[in-house]
Amino acid sequence: MLKNVLADSDQVENVIEWNFGLIMFSWYGFQAMLMRETMKTGDFAR
């Protein structure tokens, strides 16, 4: 199955873009969560 995916370059690009999008989404979600926690505790104001 992996060989078929690698043989189709368009498929590979789609997979890479999808993974990159997922990583970026997770990263920004994590950052937003940290910011919300920080503001809630008041450490951000210091």
N, C-alpha and C. Protein backbone atom coordinates (compact mmCIF):
# COMPACT_ATOMS: atom_id res chain seq x y z
N MET A 1 0.84 -1.20 0.00
CA MET A 1 0.00 0.00 0.00
C MET A 1 0.87 1.25 0.00
N LEU A 2 1.93 1.24 0.80
CA LEU A 2 2.80 2.41 0.90
C LEU A 2 3.47 2.70 -0.44
N LYS A 3 3.84 1.63 -1.16
CA LYS A 3 4.49 1.83 -2.46
C LYS A 3 3.54 2.52 -3.44
N ASN A 4 2.28 2.14 -3.40
CA ASN A 4 1.30 2.78 -4.29
C ASN A 4 1.17 4.26 -3.97
N VAL A 5 1.18 4.60 -2.70
CA VAL A 5 1.07 6.00 -2.29
C VAL A 5 2.30 6.76 -2.74
N LEU A 6 3.48 6.18 -2.53
CA LEU A 6 4.72 6.85 -2.90
C LEU A 6 4.83 7.03 -4.41
N ALA A 7 4.27 6.08 -5.16
CA ALA A 7 4.34 6.17 -6.62
C ALA A 7 3.49 7.33 -7.14
N ASP A 8 2.45 7.67 -6.41
CA ASP A 8 1.56 8.76 -6.83
C ASP A 8 1.98 10.03 -6.09
N SER A 9 2.72 10.88 -6.77
CA SER A 9 3.28 12.07 -6.12
C SER A 9 2.19 13.02 -5.63
N ASP A 10 1.08 13.11 -6.36
CA ASP A 10 -0.01 13.98 -5.91
C ASP A 10 -0.57 13.50 -4.58
N GLN A 11 -0.67 12.19 -4.44
CA GLN A 11 -1.17 11.61 -3.20
C GLN A 11 -0.23 11.97 -2.05
N VAL A 12 1.07 11.87 -2.31
CA VAL A 12 2.07 12.17 -1.28
C VAL A 12 1.94 13.63 -0.85
N GLU A 13 1.80 14.52 -1.82
CA GLU A 13 1.67 15.94 -1.48
C GLU A 13 0.43 16.19 -0.64
N ASN A 14 -0.66 15.53 -0.99
CA ASN A 14 -1.90 15.69 -0.22
C ASN A 14 -1.70 15.22 1.22
N VAL A 15 -1.04 14.09 1.38
CA VAL A 15 -0.80 13.54 2.72
C VAL A 15 0.07 14.50 3.52
N ILE A 16 1.13 15.02 2.89
CA ILE A 16 2.04 15.94 3.58
C ILE A 16 1.29 17.21 3.99
N GLU A 17 0.51 17.76 3.06
CA GLU A 17 -0.24 18.98 3.37
C GLU A 17 -1.24 18.73 4.49
N TRP A 18 -1.89 17.57 4.47
CA TRP A 18 -2.89 17.25 5.50
C TRP A 18 -2.22 17.12 6.86
N ASN A 19 -1.06 16.43 6.88
CA ASN A 19 -0.34 16.28 8.15
C ASN A 19 0.15 17.62 8.65
N PHE A 20 0.66 18.46 7.74
CA PHE A 20 1.14 19.79 8.13
C PHE A 20 0.00 20.62 8.70
N GLY A 21 -1.15 20.56 8.05
CA GLY A 21 -2.31 21.30 8.52
C GLY A 21 -2.74 20.82 9.90
N LEU A 22 -2.70 19.52 10.11
CA LEU A 22 -3.08 18.95 11.40
C LEU A 22 -2.12 19.41 12.49
N ILE A 23 -0.82 19.41 12.17
CA ILE A 23 0.19 19.83 13.14
C ILE A 23 0.00 21.31 13.50
N MET A 24 -0.21 22.14 12.47
CA MET A 24 -0.39 23.57 12.72
C MET A 24 -1.64 23.82 13.55
N PHE A 25 -2.71 23.10 13.23
CA PHE A 25 -3.96 23.24 13.98
C PHE A 25 -3.75 22.86 15.45
N SER A 26 -3.04 21.75 15.68
CA SER A 26 -2.78 21.30 17.04
C SER A 26 -1.92 22.31 17.79
N TRP A 27 -0.89 22.85 17.09
CA TRP A 27 0.03 23.80 17.71
C TRP A 27 -0.71 25.07 18.13
N TYR A 28 -1.51 25.63 17.23
CA TYR A 28 -2.23 26.86 17.56
C TYR A 28 -3.28 26.61 18.64
N GLY A 29 -3.89 25.44 18.60
CA GLY A 29 -4.86 25.10 19.64
C GLY A 29 -4.18 25.01 21.00
N PHE A 30 -2.98 24.43 21.01
CA PHE A 30 -2.20 24.30 22.25
C PHE A 30 -1.80 25.68 22.77
N GLN A 31 -1.34 26.55 21.86
CA GLN A 31 -0.95 27.91 22.25
C GLN A 31 -2.14 28.66 22.83
N ALA A 32 -3.29 28.55 22.19
CA ALA A 32 -4.49 29.23 22.67
C ALA A 32 -4.88 28.73 24.05
N MET A 33 -4.75 27.43 24.27
CA MET A 33 -5.07 26.84 25.56
C MET A 33 -4.13 27.38 26.63
N LEU A 34 -2.83 27.46 26.31
CA LEU A 34 -1.85 27.99 27.26
C LEU A 34 -2.16 29.44 27.61
N MET A 35 -2.47 30.24 26.59
CA MET A 35 -2.76 31.65 26.83
C MET A 35 -3.98 31.80 27.74
N ARG A 36 -5.00 30.99 27.50
CA ARG A 36 -6.22 31.07 28.30
C ARG A 36 -5.91 30.70 29.76
N GLU A 37 -5.12 29.65 29.95
CA GLU A 37 -4.75 29.23 31.30
C GLU A 37 -3.94 30.33 32.00
N THR A 38 -3.01 30.92 31.26
CA THR A 38 -2.15 31.95 31.83
C THR A 38 -2.96 33.17 32.25
N MET A 39 -3.87 33.61 31.40
CA MET A 39 -4.68 34.78 31.72
C MET A 39 -5.61 34.49 32.90
N LYS A 40 -6.08 33.26 33.00
CA LYS A 40 -7.01 32.90 34.06
C LYS A 40 -6.31 32.99 35.42
N THR A 41 -5.04 32.57 35.47
CA THR A 41 -4.31 32.56 36.73
C THR A 41 -3.76 33.94 37.06
N GLY A 42 -3.64 34.83 36.07
CA GLY A 42 -3.15 36.17 36.31
C GLY A 42 -1.64 36.29 36.18
N ASP A 43 -0.96 35.20 35.82
CA ASP A 43 0.50 35.27 35.66
C ASP A 43 0.87 36.13 34.47
N PHE A 44 -0.04 36.25 33.52
CA PHE A 44 0.24 37.00 32.30
C PHE A 44 0.41 38.49 32.60
N ALA A 45 -0.27 38.98 33.64
CA ALA A 45 -0.24 40.41 33.96
C ALA A 45 1.09 40.81 34.61
N ARG A 46 1.76 39.85 35.22
CA ARG A 46 2.99 40.18 35.93
C ARG A 46 4.12 40.56 35.00
